[in-house]
């Protein structure tokens, strides 16, 4: 079974639109935060603090594709949780899935494709996708039992 992490959020007044429901980009912001917390729960330090960064030069995991299916609204005062997992590993990318709930009510299903990235060796204004670090894959595999 894949490693899963659950992150909790409280919907603030400023997270809502004039209709008093969560403004949809906030779900994407929370999914992004849940993704970072997923790696933290695996024991992976923030990208800039990884000791291996001196060798692999990885600066993060930018999104190259994102999908969200909005099922039910959330509003100010709601407590929501995001269950996050890596559903698929690819060579230089991985698929992260998020399920957002308020209690037992399914609110949003999200899917991100992310790449491991470093600065491009010829043009530092660009980034370059690189293979997933073995240390992170191995940590994930050990956590899946």
N, C-alpha and C. Protein backbone atom coordinates (compact mmCIF):
# COMPACT_ATOMS: atom_id res chain seq x y z
N UNK A 1 0.84 -1.19 0.00
CA UNK A 1 0.00 0.00 0.00
C UNK A 1 0.88 1.25 0.00
N UNK A 2 0.50 2.23 -0.77
CA UNK A 2 1.29 3.46 -0.91
C UNK A 2 1.26 4.28 0.37
N UNK A 3 2.35 4.98 0.63
CA UNK A 3 2.43 5.89 1.77
C UNK A 3 1.46 7.04 1.57
N UNK A 4 0.69 7.32 2.60
CA UNK A 4 -0.28 8.42 2.56
C UNK A 4 -0.01 9.36 3.71
N UNK A 5 -0.26 10.64 3.48
CA UNK A 5 -0.14 11.64 4.53
C UNK A 5 -1.39 12.50 4.52
N UNK A 6 -1.85 12.86 5.70
CA UNK A 6 -3.04 13.71 5.82
C UNK A 6 -2.63 15.05 6.41
N UNK A 7 -3.03 16.11 5.73
CA UNK A 7 -2.76 17.48 6.17
C UNK A 7 -4.09 18.16 6.46
N UNK A 8 -4.14 18.91 7.55
CA UNK A 8 -5.37 19.59 7.96
C UNK A 8 -5.26 21.09 7.72
N UNK A 9 -6.38 21.67 7.27
CA UNK A 9 -6.45 23.11 7.06
C UNK A 9 -7.76 23.63 7.64
N UNK A 10 -7.75 24.89 8.04
CA UNK A 10 -8.93 25.59 8.52
C UNK A 10 -9.24 26.67 7.49
N UNK A 11 -10.46 26.69 6.97
CA UNK A 11 -10.84 27.67 5.96
C UNK A 11 -11.08 29.02 6.63
N UNK A 12 -10.27 29.98 6.23
CA UNK A 12 -10.37 31.35 6.76
C UNK A 12 -11.32 32.18 5.91
N UNK A 13 -11.79 33.29 6.46
CA UNK A 13 -12.69 34.19 5.75
C UNK A 13 -12.08 34.63 4.41
N UNK A 14 -10.79 34.95 4.42
CA UNK A 14 -10.11 35.43 3.21
C UNK A 14 -9.91 34.36 2.15
N UNK A 15 -10.17 33.09 2.48
CA UNK A 15 -10.07 32.01 1.50
C UNK A 15 -11.32 31.94 0.61
N UNK A 16 -12.35 32.70 0.96
CA UNK A 16 -13.65 32.58 0.28
C UNK A 16 -13.87 33.71 -0.71
N UNK A 17 -14.72 33.44 -1.69
CA UNK A 17 -15.07 34.43 -2.71
C UNK A 17 -16.35 35.15 -2.28
N UNK A 18 -16.87 36.08 -3.10
CA UNK A 18 -18.09 36.80 -2.71
C UNK A 18 -19.30 35.90 -2.49
N UNK A 19 -19.30 34.69 -3.06
CA UNK A 19 -20.40 33.75 -2.83
C UNK A 19 -20.24 33.01 -1.50
N UNK A 20 -19.18 33.34 -0.76
CA UNK A 20 -18.88 32.76 0.55
C UNK A 20 -18.49 31.28 0.49
N UNK A 21 -17.94 30.89 -0.67
CA UNK A 21 -17.37 29.54 -0.78
C UNK A 21 -15.88 29.71 -1.09
N UNK A 22 -15.12 28.65 -0.85
CA UNK A 22 -13.68 28.72 -1.09
C UNK A 22 -13.42 29.06 -2.55
N UNK A 23 -12.60 30.08 -2.78
CA UNK A 23 -12.18 30.47 -4.12
C UNK A 23 -11.28 29.35 -4.63
N UNK A 24 -11.61 28.78 -5.78
CA UNK A 24 -11.02 27.53 -6.25
C UNK A 24 -9.49 27.49 -6.25
N UNK A 25 -8.74 28.60 -6.54
CA UNK A 25 -7.28 28.48 -6.52
C UNK A 25 -6.73 28.11 -5.14
N UNK A 26 -7.50 28.38 -4.10
CA UNK A 26 -7.03 28.03 -2.76
C UNK A 26 -6.90 26.52 -2.59
N UNK A 27 -7.75 25.76 -3.25
CA UNK A 27 -7.61 24.30 -3.19
C UNK A 27 -6.27 23.87 -3.81
N UNK A 28 -5.88 24.54 -4.90
CA UNK A 28 -4.59 24.22 -5.53
C UNK A 28 -3.44 24.62 -4.61
N UNK A 29 -3.57 25.75 -3.93
CA UNK A 29 -2.55 26.20 -2.98
C UNK A 29 -2.42 25.19 -1.84
N UNK A 30 -3.55 24.71 -1.34
CA UNK A 30 -3.51 23.73 -0.25
C UNK A 30 -2.95 22.40 -0.72
N UNK A 31 -3.26 21.99 -1.96
CA UNK A 31 -2.68 20.75 -2.49
C UNK A 31 -1.16 20.88 -2.58
N UNK A 32 -0.68 22.05 -3.01
CA UNK A 32 0.76 22.27 -3.09
C UNK A 32 1.39 22.15 -1.70
N UNK A 33 0.79 22.78 -0.71
CA UNK A 33 1.31 22.69 0.66
C UNK A 33 1.27 21.26 1.17
N UNK A 34 0.19 20.54 0.85
CA UNK A 34 0.07 19.14 1.28
C UNK A 34 1.15 18.29 0.63
N UNK A 35 1.53 18.61 -0.61
CA UNK A 35 2.61 17.89 -1.28
C UNK A 35 3.94 18.07 -0.56
N UNK A 36 4.22 19.31 -0.14
CA UNK A 36 5.46 19.57 0.61
C UNK A 36 5.43 18.83 1.96
N UNK A 37 4.28 18.85 2.60
CA UNK A 37 4.16 18.17 3.89
C UNK A 37 4.26 16.65 3.74
N UNK A 38 3.85 16.14 2.60
CA UNK A 38 3.99 14.72 2.31
C UNK A 38 5.46 14.32 2.37
N UNK A 39 6.30 15.07 1.67
CA UNK A 39 7.73 14.75 1.68
C UNK A 39 8.33 14.93 3.07
N UNK A 40 7.88 15.95 3.79
CA UNK A 40 8.35 16.15 5.16
C UNK A 40 7.99 14.93 6.01
N UNK A 41 6.77 14.42 5.85
CA UNK A 41 6.34 13.24 6.62
C UNK A 41 7.17 12.01 6.25
N UNK A 42 7.69 11.97 5.02
CA UNK A 42 8.58 10.88 4.60
C UNK A 42 9.97 11.03 5.21
N UNK A 43 10.24 12.21 5.77
CA UNK A 43 11.56 12.47 6.33
C UNK A 43 12.50 13.17 5.38
N UNK A 44 11.95 13.73 4.30
CA UNK A 44 12.76 14.48 3.33
C UNK A 44 12.75 15.94 3.76
N UNK A 45 13.94 16.52 4.01
CA UNK A 45 13.98 17.94 4.40
C UNK A 45 13.52 18.84 3.25
N UNK A 46 13.22 20.11 3.54
CA UNK A 46 12.92 21.04 2.45
C UNK A 46 14.03 21.00 1.40
N UNK A 47 13.66 21.21 0.15
CA UNK A 47 14.59 21.00 -0.96
C UNK A 47 15.92 21.71 -0.74
N UNK A 48 15.88 22.96 -0.27
CA UNK A 48 17.12 23.72 -0.13
C UNK A 48 17.98 23.23 1.04
N UNK A 49 17.45 22.39 1.92
CA UNK A 49 18.20 21.89 3.07
C UNK A 49 18.67 20.44 2.92
N UNK A 50 18.30 19.79 1.82
CA UNK A 50 18.73 18.40 1.61
C UNK A 50 20.25 18.33 1.47
N UNK A 51 20.92 17.48 2.26
CA UNK A 51 22.37 17.36 2.12
C UNK A 51 22.79 16.92 0.72
N UNK A 52 21.95 16.11 0.05
CA UNK A 52 22.28 15.61 -1.28
C UNK A 52 22.23 16.71 -2.35
N UNK A 53 21.65 17.85 -2.02
CA UNK A 53 21.50 18.92 -3.00
C UNK A 53 22.85 19.36 -3.57
N UNK A 54 23.90 19.28 -2.76
CA UNK A 54 25.23 19.67 -3.23
C UNK A 54 25.66 18.81 -4.42
N UNK A 55 25.12 17.59 -4.52
CA UNK A 55 25.50 16.68 -5.60
C UNK A 55 24.48 16.65 -6.74
N UNK A 56 23.18 16.57 -6.38
CA UNK A 56 22.18 16.44 -7.46
C UNK A 56 21.61 17.79 -7.91
N UNK A 57 21.85 18.87 -7.13
CA UNK A 57 21.46 20.24 -7.48
C UNK A 57 19.95 20.44 -7.61
N UNK A 58 19.15 19.53 -7.07
CA UNK A 58 17.69 19.64 -7.18
C UNK A 58 17.20 20.84 -6.37
N UNK A 59 16.38 21.66 -7.02
CA UNK A 59 15.85 22.86 -6.38
C UNK A 59 14.38 22.73 -6.02
N UNK A 60 13.71 21.67 -6.48
CA UNK A 60 12.30 21.49 -6.16
C UNK A 60 11.61 20.56 -7.13
N UNK A 61 10.28 20.53 -7.01
CA UNK A 61 9.45 19.66 -7.83
C UNK A 61 8.31 20.46 -8.45
N UNK A 62 8.60 21.25 -9.48
CA UNK A 62 7.53 22.04 -10.10
C UNK A 62 6.48 21.18 -10.78
N UNK A 63 5.28 21.72 -10.83
CA UNK A 63 4.15 21.06 -11.48
C UNK A 63 4.23 21.27 -12.99
N UNK A 64 4.04 20.18 -13.74
CA UNK A 64 3.98 20.29 -15.20
C UNK A 64 2.58 19.99 -15.73
N UNK A 65 1.72 19.44 -14.87
CA UNK A 65 0.33 19.18 -15.25
C UNK A 65 -0.48 19.10 -13.96
N UNK A 66 -1.66 19.68 -13.97
CA UNK A 66 -2.52 19.63 -12.78
C UNK A 66 -3.97 19.48 -13.22
N UNK A 67 -4.71 18.72 -12.43
CA UNK A 67 -6.13 18.51 -12.69
C UNK A 67 -6.85 18.53 -11.35
N UNK A 68 -8.00 19.16 -11.31
CA UNK A 68 -8.82 19.15 -10.10
C UNK A 68 -10.27 18.95 -10.49
N UNK A 69 -10.94 18.09 -9.75
CA UNK A 69 -12.38 17.86 -9.95
C UNK A 69 -13.08 18.35 -8.69
N UNK A 70 -13.88 19.40 -8.83
CA UNK A 70 -14.57 20.02 -7.70
C UNK A 70 -15.94 19.37 -7.54
N UNK A 71 -16.17 18.80 -6.37
CA UNK A 71 -17.37 17.99 -6.15
C UNK A 71 -18.37 18.70 -5.23
N UNK A 72 -17.86 19.28 -4.15
CA UNK A 72 -18.73 19.99 -3.20
C UNK A 72 -17.97 21.20 -2.67
N UNK A 73 -18.69 22.27 -2.29
CA UNK A 73 -18.02 23.48 -1.82
C UNK A 73 -17.59 23.39 -0.35
N UNK A 74 -16.67 24.27 0.00
CA UNK A 74 -16.29 24.48 1.39
C UNK A 74 -16.46 25.97 1.67
N UNK A 75 -16.58 26.32 2.94
CA UNK A 75 -16.81 27.71 3.30
C UNK A 75 -16.06 28.06 4.58
N UNK A 76 -16.12 29.33 4.93
CA UNK A 76 -15.46 29.86 6.12
C UNK A 76 -15.80 29.04 7.36
N UNK A 77 -14.78 28.68 8.10
CA UNK A 77 -14.96 27.93 9.32
C UNK A 77 -14.85 26.42 9.16
N UNK A 78 -14.86 25.95 7.92
CA UNK A 78 -14.74 24.50 7.70
C UNK A 78 -13.33 24.03 8.05
N UNK A 79 -13.26 22.84 8.59
CA UNK A 79 -11.99 22.15 8.78
C UNK A 79 -11.93 21.08 7.70
N UNK A 80 -10.87 21.17 6.91
CA UNK A 80 -10.74 20.21 5.81
C UNK A 80 -9.44 19.42 5.98
N UNK A 81 -9.41 18.26 5.35
CA UNK A 81 -8.18 17.47 5.34
C UNK A 81 -7.86 17.07 3.92
N UNK A 82 -6.57 16.97 3.66
CA UNK A 82 -6.10 16.54 2.35
C UNK A 82 -5.27 15.29 2.54
N UNK A 83 -5.72 14.21 1.94
CA UNK A 83 -4.97 12.96 1.94
C UNK A 83 -4.16 12.92 0.66
N UNK A 84 -2.85 12.79 0.81
CA UNK A 84 -1.93 12.87 -0.32
C UNK A 84 -1.13 11.58 -0.45
N UNK A 85 -0.92 11.17 -1.68
CA UNK A 85 -0.10 10.00 -1.96
C UNK A 85 0.60 10.18 -3.31
N UNK A 86 1.68 9.45 -3.50
CA UNK A 86 2.28 9.37 -4.82
C UNK A 86 1.71 8.12 -5.46
N UNK A 87 0.98 8.32 -6.55
CA UNK A 87 0.30 7.22 -7.21
C UNK A 87 1.17 6.52 -8.24
N UNK A 88 2.16 7.26 -8.77
CA UNK A 88 2.98 6.68 -9.84
C UNK A 88 4.33 7.39 -9.90
N UNK A 89 5.37 6.60 -10.04
CA UNK A 89 6.71 7.13 -10.28
C UNK A 89 7.04 6.93 -11.75
N UNK A 90 7.59 7.93 -12.37
CA UNK A 90 8.07 7.86 -13.73
C UNK A 90 9.56 8.20 -13.67
N UNK A 91 10.24 8.22 -14.79
CA UNK A 91 11.68 8.49 -14.77
C UNK A 91 12.04 9.81 -14.11
N UNK A 92 11.57 10.91 -14.68
CA UNK A 92 11.89 12.24 -14.17
C UNK A 92 10.69 12.91 -13.52
N UNK A 93 9.59 12.21 -13.45
CA UNK A 93 8.39 12.80 -12.90
C UNK A 93 7.66 11.80 -12.01
N UNK A 94 6.66 12.31 -11.31
CA UNK A 94 5.82 11.46 -10.48
C UNK A 94 4.42 12.07 -10.45
N UNK A 95 3.45 11.23 -10.14
CA UNK A 95 2.06 11.66 -10.07
C UNK A 95 1.64 11.67 -8.61
N UNK A 96 1.21 12.84 -8.15
CA UNK A 96 0.76 13.00 -6.78
C UNK A 96 -0.75 13.19 -6.80
N UNK A 97 -1.45 12.44 -5.96
CA UNK A 97 -2.91 12.55 -5.88
C UNK A 97 -3.32 13.09 -4.52
N UNK A 98 -4.36 13.92 -4.55
CA UNK A 98 -4.89 14.55 -3.34
C UNK A 98 -6.40 14.32 -3.28
N UNK A 99 -6.88 13.94 -2.11
CA UNK A 99 -8.32 13.83 -1.88
C UNK A 99 -8.63 14.78 -0.73
N UNK A 100 -9.52 15.75 -1.00
CA UNK A 100 -9.86 16.77 -0.01
C UNK A 100 -11.25 16.49 0.51
N UNK A 101 -11.35 16.43 1.85
CA UNK A 101 -12.63 16.13 2.50
C UNK A 101 -12.92 17.11 3.64
N UNK A 102 -14.19 17.26 3.91
CA UNK A 102 -14.67 17.89 5.13
C UNK A 102 -15.44 16.79 5.84
N UNK A 103 -14.88 16.30 6.93
CA UNK A 103 -15.43 15.11 7.59
C UNK A 103 -15.53 13.99 6.54
N UNK A 104 -16.73 13.44 6.33
CA UNK A 104 -16.88 12.35 5.36
C UNK A 104 -17.26 12.84 3.96
N UNK A 105 -17.42 14.16 3.80
CA UNK A 105 -17.85 14.71 2.52
C UNK A 105 -16.66 14.95 1.61
N UNK A 106 -16.68 14.33 0.44
CA UNK A 106 -15.64 14.52 -0.56
C UNK A 106 -15.85 15.88 -1.23
N UNK A 107 -14.81 16.72 -1.20
CA UNK A 107 -14.90 18.05 -1.78
C UNK A 107 -14.20 18.16 -3.13
N UNK A 108 -12.95 17.69 -3.18
CA UNK A 108 -12.12 17.86 -4.38
C UNK A 108 -11.23 16.64 -4.54
N UNK A 109 -11.03 16.23 -5.78
CA UNK A 109 -10.01 15.23 -6.12
C UNK A 109 -9.00 15.94 -7.01
N UNK A 110 -7.73 15.87 -6.64
CA UNK A 110 -6.70 16.55 -7.41
C UNK A 110 -5.59 15.61 -7.82
N UNK A 111 -4.96 15.96 -8.92
CA UNK A 111 -3.86 15.16 -9.46
C UNK A 111 -2.82 16.10 -10.03
N UNK A 112 -1.58 15.93 -9.62
CA UNK A 112 -0.47 16.74 -10.12
C UNK A 112 0.59 15.83 -10.72
N UNK A 113 1.17 16.28 -11.82
CA UNK A 113 2.38 15.64 -12.33
C UNK A 113 3.50 16.63 -12.05
N UNK A 114 4.51 16.16 -11.34
CA UNK A 114 5.64 17.01 -10.96
C UNK A 114 6.93 16.40 -11.48
N UNK A 115 7.92 17.24 -11.68
CA UNK A 115 9.25 16.78 -12.07
C UNK A 115 10.25 17.21 -11.00
N UNK A 116 11.31 16.45 -10.88
CA UNK A 116 12.44 16.89 -10.08
C UNK A 116 13.25 17.81 -10.97
N UNK A 117 13.59 19.00 -10.47
CA UNK A 117 14.22 20.00 -11.33
C UNK A 117 15.49 20.57 -10.70
N UNK A 118 16.41 20.93 -11.58
CA UNK A 118 17.61 21.67 -11.19
C UNK A 118 17.76 22.80 -12.20
N UNK A 119 18.63 23.75 -11.89
CA UNK A 119 18.92 24.82 -12.85
C UNK A 119 19.58 24.21 -14.08
N UNK A 120 19.21 24.70 -15.24
CA UNK A 120 19.80 24.21 -16.48
C UNK A 120 21.29 24.55 -16.49
N UNK A 121 22.16 23.58 -16.81
CA UNK A 121 23.60 23.82 -16.72
C UNK A 121 24.13 24.87 -17.69
N UNK A 122 23.42 25.12 -18.81
CA UNK A 122 23.88 26.11 -19.79
C UNK A 122 23.19 27.45 -19.59
N UNK A 123 21.92 27.41 -19.23
CA UNK A 123 21.14 28.63 -19.06
C UNK A 123 20.48 28.61 -17.69
N UNK A 124 21.10 29.23 -16.68
CA UNK A 124 20.55 29.17 -15.32
C UNK A 124 19.20 29.86 -15.14
N UNK A 125 18.72 30.57 -16.17
CA UNK A 125 17.39 31.16 -16.10
C UNK A 125 16.31 30.11 -16.34
N UNK A 126 16.74 28.93 -16.84
CA UNK A 126 15.80 27.84 -17.11
C UNK A 126 16.01 26.73 -16.09
N UNK A 127 15.07 25.79 -16.07
CA UNK A 127 15.24 24.60 -15.25
C UNK A 127 15.28 23.38 -16.15
N UNK A 128 15.74 22.28 -15.58
CA UNK A 128 15.88 21.03 -16.33
C UNK A 128 15.35 19.90 -15.46
N UNK A 129 14.52 19.05 -16.03
CA UNK A 129 14.02 17.87 -15.31
C UNK A 129 15.14 16.85 -15.21
N UNK A 130 15.23 16.20 -14.05
CA UNK A 130 16.25 15.18 -13.81
C UNK A 130 15.59 13.96 -13.19
N UNK A 131 16.30 12.85 -13.21
CA UNK A 131 15.77 11.63 -12.60
C UNK A 131 15.49 11.85 -11.12
N UNK A 132 14.47 11.15 -10.63
CA UNK A 132 14.15 11.21 -9.21
C UNK A 132 15.34 10.70 -8.41
N UNK A 133 15.71 11.40 -7.34
CA UNK A 133 16.83 10.95 -6.53
C UNK A 133 16.55 9.57 -5.93
N UNK A 134 17.52 8.69 -6.01
CA UNK A 134 17.36 7.34 -5.48
C UNK A 134 17.04 7.37 -3.99
N UNK A 135 17.62 8.30 -3.26
CA UNK A 135 17.39 8.36 -1.81
C UNK A 135 15.92 8.63 -1.48
N UNK A 136 15.26 9.45 -2.29
CA UNK A 136 13.84 9.75 -2.05
C UNK A 136 12.98 8.56 -2.46
N UNK A 137 13.26 7.99 -3.60
CA UNK A 137 12.51 6.79 -4.03
C UNK A 137 12.66 5.67 -3.01
N UNK A 138 13.87 5.44 -2.53
CA UNK A 138 14.10 4.37 -1.54
C UNK A 138 13.35 4.66 -0.24
N UNK A 139 13.36 5.89 0.21
CA UNK A 139 12.62 6.26 1.43
C UNK A 139 11.13 6.00 1.25
N UNK A 140 10.61 6.35 0.07
CA UNK A 140 9.19 6.13 -0.23
C UNK A 140 8.90 4.62 -0.25
N UNK A 141 9.76 3.84 -0.90
CA UNK A 141 9.54 2.40 -1.00
C UNK A 141 9.57 1.74 0.39
N UNK A 142 10.46 2.19 1.27
CA UNK A 142 10.51 1.64 2.63
C UNK A 142 9.24 1.98 3.41
N UNK A 143 8.65 3.14 3.13
CA UNK A 143 7.47 3.56 3.87
C UNK A 143 6.19 2.88 3.39
N UNK A 144 6.23 2.26 2.21
CA UNK A 144 5.02 1.62 1.67
C UNK A 144 4.87 0.20 2.19
N UNK A 145 5.83 -0.26 2.94
CA UNK A 145 5.73 -1.58 3.58
C UNK A 145 5.86 -2.66 2.63
